[in-house]
Structure formats: C-alpha cells, structure tokens
PDB file of N, CA and C in Angstrom:
ATOM      1  N   MET A   1      -2.322 -40.776  25.553  1.00  0.00           N
ATOM      2  CA  MET A   1      -2.227 -40.768  24.109  1.00  0.00           C
ATOM      3  C   MET A   1      -0.784 -41.066  23.729  1.00  0.00           C
ATOM      4  N   VAL A   2      -0.595 -41.907  22.767  1.00  0.00           N
ATOM      5  CA  VAL A   2       0.729 -42.340  22.349  1.00  0.00           C
ATOM      6  C   VAL A   2       1.230 -41.418  21.242  1.00  0.00           C
ATOM      7  N   GLN A   3       2.444 -40.898  21.406  1.00  0.00           N
ATOM      8  CA  GLN A   3       3.055 -40.059  20.373  1.00  0.00           C
ATOM      9  C   GLN A   3       3.651 -40.958  19.297  1.00  0.00           C
ATOM     10  N   THR A   4       3.417 -40.607  18.056  1.00  0.00           N
ATOM     11  CA  THR A   4       3.989 -41.376  16.965  1.00  0.00           C
ATOM     12  C   THR A   4       5.404 -40.893  16.719  1.00  0.00           C
ATOM     13  N   SER A   5       6.256 -41.802  16.344  1.00  0.00           N
ATOM     14  CA  SER A   5       7.633 -41.424  16.047  1.00  0.00           C
ATOM     15  C   SER A   5       7.756 -41.141  14.555  1.00  0.00           C
ATOM     16  N   ILE A   6       8.530 -40.121  14.229  1.00  0.00           N
ATOM     17  CA  ILE A   6       8.738 -39.735  12.841  1.00  0.00           C
ATOM     18  C   ILE A   6      10.073 -40.319  12.403  1.00  0.00           C
ATOM     19  N   PRO A   7      10.077 -41.146  11.366  1.00  0.00           N
ATOM     20  CA  PRO A   7      11.333 -41.759  10.946  1.00  0.00           C
ATOM     21  C   PRO A   7      12.295 -40.732  10.349  1.00  0.00           C
ATOM     22  N   LYS A   8      13.572 -40.944  10.567  1.00  0.00           N
ATOM     23  CA  LYS A   8      14.598 -40.069  10.002  1.00  0.00           C
ATOM     24  C   LYS A   8      14.972 -40.573   8.612  1.00  0.00           C
ATOM     25  N   ALA A   9      15.290 -39.640   7.746  1.00  0.00           N
ATOM     26  CA  ALA A   9      15.651 -39.984   6.378  1.00  0.00           C
ATOM     27  C   ALA A   9      17.039 -40.595   6.336  1.00  0.00           C
ATOM     28  N   ALA A  10      17.208 -41.572   5.462  1.00  0.00           N
ATOM     29  CA  ALA A  10      18.521 -42.175   5.277  1.00  0.00           C
ATOM     30  C   ALA A  10      19.389 -41.192   4.500  1.00  0.00           C
ATOM     31  N   PRO A  11      20.668 -41.089   4.838  1.00  0.00           N
ATOM     32  CA  PRO A  11      21.542 -40.144   4.131  1.00  0.00           C
ATOM     33  C   PRO A  11      21.636 -40.480   2.645  1.00  0.00           C
ATOM     34  N   GLY A  12      21.406 -39.496   1.799  1.00  0.00           N
ATOM     35  CA  GLY A  12      21.514 -39.689   0.358  1.00  0.00           C
ATOM     36  C   GLY A  12      20.256 -40.195  -0.308  1.00  0.00           C
ATOM     37  N   ASP A  13      19.282 -40.667   0.441  1.00  0.00           N
ATOM     38  CA  ASP A  13      18.053 -41.191  -0.141  1.00  0.00           C
ATOM     39  C   ASP A  13      17.021 -40.078  -0.188  1.00  0.00           C
ATOM     40  N   THR A  14      16.748 -39.541  -1.364  1.00  0.00           N
ATOM     41  CA  THR A  14      15.825 -38.416  -1.488  1.00  0.00           C
ATOM     42  C   THR A  14      14.414 -38.859  -1.873  1.00  0.00           C
ATOM     43  N   THR A  15      14.221 -40.142  -2.134  1.00  0.00           N
ATOM     44  CA  THR A  15      12.910 -40.605  -2.568  1.00  0.00           C
ATOM     45  C   THR A  15      12.099 -41.215  -1.439  1.00  0.00           C
ATOM     46  N   SER A  16      12.693 -41.391  -0.264  1.00  0.00           N
ATOM     47  CA  SER A  16      11.962 -42.033   0.819  1.00  0.00           C
ATOM     48  C   SER A  16      10.910 -41.085   1.376  1.00  0.00           C
ATOM     49  N   LEU A  17       9.939 -41.649   2.005  1.00  0.00           N
ATOM     50  CA  LEU A  17       8.863 -40.858   2.586  1.00  0.00           C
ATOM     51  C   LEU A  17       9.396 -39.931   3.668  1.00  0.00           C
ATOM     52  N   ALA A  18      10.349 -40.402   4.447  1.00  0.00           N
ATOM     53  CA  ALA A  18      10.922 -39.583   5.510  1.00  0.00           C
ATOM     54  C   ALA A  18      11.679 -38.386   4.936  1.00  0.00           C
ATOM     55  N   ALA A  19      12.376 -38.577   3.821  1.00  0.00           N
ATOM     56  CA  ALA A  19      13.114 -37.478   3.202  1.00  0.00           C
ATOM     57  C   ALA A  19      12.147 -36.436   2.645  1.00  0.00           C
ATOM     58  N   ARG A  20      11.075 -36.885   2.041  1.00  0.00           N
ATOM     59  CA  ARG A  20      10.091 -35.942   1.522  1.00  0.00           C
ATOM     60  C   ARG A  20       9.402 -35.188   2.658  1.00  0.00           C
ATOM     61  N   TYR A  21       9.168 -35.875   3.770  1.00  0.00           N
ATOM     62  CA  TYR A  21       8.564 -35.227   4.925  1.00  0.00           C
ATOM     63  C   TYR A  21       9.496 -34.139   5.476  1.00  0.00           C
ATOM     64  N   GLU A  22      10.762 -34.426   5.584  1.00  0.00           N
ATOM     65  CA  GLU A  22      11.743 -33.457   6.086  1.00  0.00           C
ATOM     66  C   GLU A  22      11.813 -32.236   5.170  1.00  0.00           C
ATOM     67  N   ARG A  23      11.817 -32.482   3.854  1.00  0.00           N
ATOM     68  CA  ARG A  23      11.876 -31.386   2.899  1.00  0.00           C
ATOM     69  C   ARG A  23      10.632 -30.506   3.000  1.00  0.00           C
ATOM     70  N   ALA A  24       9.469 -31.112   3.108  1.00  0.00           N
ATOM     71  CA  ALA A  24       8.225 -30.354   3.227  1.00  0.00           C
ATOM     72  C   ALA A  24       8.193 -29.574   4.538  1.00  0.00           C
ATOM     73  N   LYS A  25       8.703 -30.182   5.592  1.00  0.00           N
ATOM     74  CA  LYS A  25       8.745 -29.512   6.892  1.00  0.00           C
ATOM     75  C   LYS A  25       9.670 -28.297   6.842  1.00  0.00           C
ATOM     76  N   GLN A  26      10.821 -28.432   6.190  1.00  0.00           N
ATOM     77  CA  GLN A  26      11.751 -27.312   6.063  1.00  0.00           C
ATOM     78  C   GLN A  26      11.152 -26.190   5.225  1.00  0.00           C
ATOM     79  N   LEU A  27      10.479 -26.532   4.125  1.00  0.00           N
ATOM     80  CA  LEU A  27       9.842 -25.520   3.287  1.00  0.00           C
ATOM     81  C   LEU A  27       8.753 -24.773   4.047  1.00  0.00           C
ATOM     82  N   GLN A  28       7.990 -25.501   4.859  1.00  0.00           N
ATOM     83  CA  GLN A  28       6.936 -24.874   5.644  1.00  0.00           C
ATOM     84  C   GLN A  28       7.523 -23.926   6.685  1.00  0.00           C
ATOM     85  N   GLN A  29       8.615 -24.321   7.324  1.00  0.00           N
ATOM     86  CA  GLN A  29       9.253 -23.453   8.305  1.00  0.00           C
ATOM     87  C   GLN A  29       9.823 -22.206   7.643  1.00  0.00           C
ATOM     88  N   GLU A  30      10.399 -22.341   6.454  1.00  0.00           N
ATOM     89  CA  GLU A  30      10.922 -21.183   5.733  1.00  0.00           C
ATOM     90  C   GLU A  30       9.782 -20.241   5.336  1.00  0.00           C
ATOM     91  N   LYS A  31       8.665 -20.812   4.909  1.00  0.00           N
ATOM     92  CA  LYS A  31       7.530 -19.991   4.506  1.00  0.00           C
ATOM     93  C   LYS A  31       6.963 -19.236   5.705  1.00  0.00           C
ATOM     94  N   GLU A  32       6.849 -19.901   6.845  1.00  0.00           N
ATOM     95  CA  GLU A  32       6.331 -19.252   8.044  1.00  0.00           C
ATOM     96  C   GLU A  32       7.286 -18.173   8.536  1.00  0.00           C
ATOM     97  N   GLY A  33       8.560 -18.403   8.416  1.00  0.00           N
ATOM     98  CA  GLY A  33       9.541 -17.423   8.846  1.00  0.00           C
ATOM     99  C   GLY A  33       9.510 -16.177   7.988  1.00  0.00           C
ATOM    100  N   GLY A  34       9.270 -16.331   6.694  1.00  0.00           N
ATOM    101  CA  GLY A  34       9.228 -15.195   5.793  1.00  0.00           C
ATOM    102  C   GLY A  34       7.923 -14.427   5.873  1.00  0.00           C
ATOM    103  N   ALA A  35       6.860 -15.063   6.313  1.00  0.00           N
ATOM    104  CA  ALA A  35       5.562 -14.400   6.345  1.00  0.00           C
ATOM    105  C   ALA A  35       5.407 -13.469   7.540  1.00  0.00           C
ATOM    106  N   LYS A  36       6.307 -13.544   8.506  1.00  0.00           N
ATOM    107  CA  LYS A  36       6.154 -12.749   9.711  1.00  0.00           C
ATOM    108  C   LYS A  36       6.763 -11.365   9.596  1.00  0.00           C
ATOM    109  N   LYS A  37       7.345 -11.025   8.454  1.00  0.00           N
ATOM    110  CA  LYS A  37       7.917  -9.698   8.283  1.00  0.00           C
ATOM    111  C   LYS A  37       6.782  -8.687   8.118  1.00  0.00           C
ATOM    112  N   PRO A  38       6.828  -7.572   8.841  1.00  0.00           N
ATOM    113  CA  PRO A  38       5.738  -6.596   8.709  1.00  0.00           C
ATOM    114  C   PRO A  38       5.828  -5.839   7.394  1.00  0.00           C
ATOM    115  N   VAL A  39       4.676  -5.469   6.875  1.00  0.00           N
ATOM    116  CA  VAL A  39       4.604  -4.671   5.658  1.00  0.00           C
ATOM    117  C   VAL A  39       4.768  -3.218   6.071  1.00  0.00           C
ATOM    118  N   LEU A  40       5.757  -2.541   5.499  1.00  0.00           N
ATOM    119  CA  LEU A  40       6.046  -1.170   5.891  1.00  0.00           C
ATOM    120  C   LEU A  40       5.427  -0.183   4.915  1.00  0.00           C
ATOM    121  N   GLY A  41       4.992   0.944   5.452  1.00  0.00           N
ATOM    122  CA  GLY A  41       4.432   2.008   4.641  1.00  0.00           C
ATOM    123  C   GLY A  41       5.527   2.954   4.177  1.00  0.00           C
ATOM    124  N   GLN A  42       5.138   4.095   3.633  1.00  0.00           N
ATOM    125  CA  GLN A  42       6.113   5.067   3.137  1.00  0.00           C
ATOM    126  C   GLN A  42       6.905   5.699   4.268  1.00  0.00           C
ATOM    127  N   ASP A  43       6.298   5.807   5.440  1.00  0.00           N
ATOM    128  CA  ASP A  43       6.987   6.421   6.563  1.00  0.00           C
ATOM    129  C   ASP A  43       7.861   5.440   7.331  1.00  0.00           C
ATOM    130  N   GLY A  44       7.895   4.197   6.929  1.00  0.00           N
ATOM    131  CA  GLY A  44       8.736   3.190   7.564  1.00  0.00           C
ATOM    132  C   GLY A  44       8.064   2.476   8.713  1.00  0.00           C
ATOM    133  N   LYS A  45       6.840   2.835   9.040  1.00  0.00           N
ATOM    134  CA  LYS A  45       6.102   2.185  10.122  1.00  0.00           C
ATOM    135  C   LYS A  45       5.288   1.023   9.543  1.00  0.00           C
ATOM    136  N   PRO A  46       5.051  -0.011  10.332  1.00  0.00           N
ATOM    137  CA  PRO A  46       4.227  -1.120   9.842  1.00  0.00           C
ATOM    138  C   PRO A  46       2.811  -0.670   9.539  1.00  0.00           C
ATOM    139  N   LYS A  47       2.272  -1.199   8.445  1.00  0.00           N
ATOM    140  CA  LYS A  47       0.903  -0.864   8.054  1.00  0.00           C
ATOM    141  C   LYS A  47      -0.073  -1.665   8.920  1.00  0.00           C
ATOM    142  N   SER A  48      -1.188  -1.049   9.213  1.00  0.00           N
ATOM    143  CA  SER A  48      -2.213  -1.761   9.975  1.00  0.00           C
ATOM    144  C   SER A  48      -2.970  -2.700   9.035  1.00  0.00           C
ATOM    145  N   ALA A  49      -3.711  -3.601   9.628  1.00  0.00           N
ATOM    146  CA  ALA A  49      -4.474  -4.565   8.834  1.00  0.00           C
ATOM    147  C   ALA A  49      -5.534  -3.861   8.002  1.00  0.00           C
ATOM    148  N   MET A  50      -6.103  -2.791   8.546  1.00  0.00           N
ATOM    149  CA  MET A  50      -7.147  -2.065   7.819  1.00  0.00           C
ATOM    150  C   MET A  50      -6.580  -1.374   6.586  1.00  0.00           C
ATOM    151  N   VAL A  51      -5.389  -0.817   6.701  1.00  0.00           N
ATOM    152  CA  VAL A  51      -4.760  -0.140   5.562  1.00  0.00           C
ATOM    153  C   VAL A  51      -4.438  -1.156   4.471  1.00  0.00           C
ATOM    154  N   ARG A  52      -3.898  -2.309   4.851  1.00  0.00           N
ATOM    155  CA  ARG A  52      -3.592  -3.349   3.859  1.00  0.00           C
ATOM    156  C   ARG A  52      -4.860  -3.847   3.192  1.00  0.00           C
ATOM    157  N   LEU A  53      -5.941  -4.025   3.964  1.00  0.00           N
ATOM    158  CA  LEU A  53      -7.208  -4.480   3.405  1.00  0.00           C
ATOM    159  C   LEU A  53      -7.757  -3.467   2.409  1.00  0.00           C
ATOM    160  N   ASN A  54      -7.670  -2.192   2.742  1.00  0.00           N
ATOM    161  CA  ASN A  54      -8.147  -1.152   1.825  1.00  0.00           C
ATOM    162  C   ASN A  54      -7.341  -1.130   0.537  1.00  0.00           C
ATOM    163  N   GLU A  55      -6.038  -1.374   0.613  1.00  0.00           N
ATOM    164  CA  GLU A  55      -5.217  -1.424  -0.596  1.00  0.00           C
ATOM    165  C   GLU A  55      -5.616  -2.593  -1.488  1.00  0.00           C
ATOM    166  N   VAL A  56      -5.872  -3.747  -0.880  1.00  0.00           N
ATOM    167  CA  VAL A  56      -6.287  -4.912  -1.656  1.00  0.00           C
ATOM    168  C   VAL A  56      -7.640  -4.659  -2.313  1.00  0.00           C
ATOM    169  N   LYS A  57      -8.559  -4.049  -1.568  1.00  0.00           N
ATOM    170  CA  LYS A  57      -9.882  -3.745  -2.131  1.00  0.00           C
ATOM    171  C   LYS A  57      -9.775  -2.755  -3.285  1.00  0.00           C
ATOM    172  N   LYS A  58      -8.877  -1.784  -3.174  1.00  0.00           N
ATOM    173  CA  LYS A  58      -8.697  -0.791  -4.230  1.00  0.00           C
ATOM    174  C   LYS A  58      -8.181  -1.454  -5.503  1.00  0.00           C
ATOM    175  N   GLU A  59      -7.194  -2.342  -5.372  1.00  0.00           N
ATOM    176  CA  GLU A  59      -6.662  -3.044  -6.541  1.00  0.00           C
ATOM    177  C   GLU A  59      -7.727  -3.939  -7.168  1.00  0.00           C
ATOM    178  N   ARG A  60      -8.475  -4.649  -6.329  1.00  0.00           N
ATOM    179  CA  ARG A  60      -9.498  -5.556  -6.840  1.00  0.00           C
ATOM    180  C   ARG A  60     -10.605  -4.787  -7.548  1.00  0.00           C
ATOM    181  N   PHE A  61     -10.992  -3.624  -6.999  1.00  0.00           N
ATOM    182  CA  PHE A  61     -12.021  -2.806  -7.638  1.00  0.00           C
ATOM    183  C   PHE A  61     -11.560  -2.351  -9.015  1.00  0.00           C
ATOM    184  N   GLY A  62     -10.294  -1.977  -9.143  1.00  0.00           N
ATOM    185  CA  GLY A  62      -9.776  -1.542 -10.433  1.00  0.00           C
ATOM    186  C   GLY A  62      -9.845  -2.639 -11.473  1.00  0.00           C
ATOM    187  N   THR A  63      -9.455  -3.847 -11.109  1.00  0.00           N
ATOM    188  CA  THR A  63      -9.495  -4.949 -12.079  1.00  0.00           C
ATOM    189  C   THR A  63     -10.932  -5.326 -12.424  1.00  0.00           C
ATOM    190  N   GLU A  64     -11.819  -5.318 -11.418  1.00  0.00           N
ATOM    191  CA  GLU A  64     -13.215  -5.647 -11.704  1.00  0.00           C
ATOM    192  C   GLU A  64     -13.857  -4.588 -12.588  1.00  0.00           C
ATOM    193  N   LEU A  65     -13.504  -3.320 -12.388  1.00  0.00           N
ATOM    194  CA  LEU A  65     -14.042  -2.239 -13.209  1.00  0.00           C
ATOM    195  C   LEU A  65     -13.616  -2.412 -14.661  1.00  0.00           C
ATOM    196  N   ILE A  66     -12.379  -2.777 -14.882  1.00  0.00           N
ATOM    197  CA  ILE A  66     -11.893  -2.998 -16.245  1.00  0.00           C
ATOM    198  C   ILE A  66     -12.667  -4.140 -16.910  1.00  0.00           C
ATOM    199  N   TRP A  67     -12.904  -5.224 -16.166  1.00  0.00           N
ATOM    200  CA  TRP A  67     -13.650  -6.350 -16.723  1.00  0.00           C
ATOM    201  C   TRP A  67     -15.092  -5.960 -17.061  1.00  0.00           C
ATOM    202  N   VAL A  68     -15.725  -5.196 -16.171  1.00  0.00           N
ATOM    203  CA  VAL A  68     -17.116  -4.784 -16.415  1.00  0.00           C
ATOM    204  C   VAL A  68     -17.189  -3.890 -17.636  1.00  0.00           C
ATOM    205  N   LEU A  69     -16.298  -2.934 -17.739  1.00  0.00           N
ATOM    206  CA  LEU A  69     -16.290  -2.057 -18.912  1.00  0.00           C
ATOM    207  C   LEU A  69     -16.019  -2.849 -20.187  1.00  0.00           C
ATOM    208  N   GLY A  70     -15.115  -3.812 -20.096  1.00  0.00           N
ATOM    209  CA  GLY A  70     -14.831  -4.651 -21.261  1.00  0.00           C
ATOM    210  C   GLY A  70     -16.036  -5.449 -21.702  1.00  0.00           C
ATOM    211  N   VAL A  71     -16.808  -5.968 -20.755  1.00  0.00           N
ATOM    212  CA  VAL A  71     -18.013  -6.742 -21.099  1.00  0.00           C
ATOM    213  C   VAL A  71     -19.046  -5.839 -21.753  1.00  0.00           C
ATOM    214  N   PHE A  72     -19.244  -4.617 -21.225  1.00  0.00           N
ATOM    215  CA  PHE A  72     -20.219  -3.714 -21.820  1.00  0.00           C
ATOM    216  C   PHE A  72     -19.789  -3.292 -23.226  1.00  0.00           C
ATOM    217  N   VAL A  73     -18.536  -3.073 -23.442  1.00  0.00           N
ATOM    218  CA  VAL A  73     -18.059  -2.724 -24.791  1.00  0.00           C
ATOM    219  C   VAL A  73     -18.280  -3.900 -25.731  1.00  0.00           C
ATOM    220  N   TRP A  74     -18.063  -5.113 -25.229  1.00  0.00           N
ATOM    221  CA  TRP A  74     -18.247  -6.296 -26.044  1.00  0.00           C
ATOM    222  C   TRP A  74     -19.730  -6.469 -26.414  1.00  0.00           C
ATOM    223  N   PHE A  75     -20.633  -6.156 -25.455  1.00  0.00           N
ATOM    224  CA  PHE A  75     -22.077  -6.254 -25.747  1.00  0.00           C
ATOM    225  C   PHE A  75     -22.504  -5.242 -26.799  1.00  0.00           C
ATOM    226  N   LEU A  76     -21.903  -4.090 -26.790  1.00  0.00           N
ATOM    227  CA  LEU A  76     -22.283  -3.060 -27.776  1.00  0.00           C
ATOM    228  C   LEU A  76     -21.665  -3.389 -29.100  1.00  0.00           C
TER     229      LEU A  76
END
C-alpha cells in the first residue's frame, strides 16, 4: 500500500489547503490532549464512569421533569 504524502504549508499562506489541514490537525491534538484529564470528585479521586453517568442522568431527568410539568400546565 502506498502512503500518501501530506503537503507542507507555505510560510505566511493561511488560505492553502495544507495550511488549513495543519490548523485542523493542531486543534484536534489540543482537543484530545485536554480530554484526557480525569474528572475529580470531592475527595480528589477520579470519578468512575458509573458515577459520571449517574450525574448526567440526574441532570437530564431534572430538565425533562421541568418540561413535562410545563406541558401539563400549558394543557390545563
């Protein structure tokens, strides 16, 4: 299989396809680097996936409950 070569951006040219590719690649690397930080709890230990999932479900239930109550009040 032949590897494709990625062109390098010309210095100062921000509109070229290679420059946009480099910028997108850098943004993706920064995003991946920031996403690997563990979420810490009150005790300073990383939260487990189950604890984070339960927190998200709790927040979502609260917003859905408000919407349901609002719809019933609107019907009345």
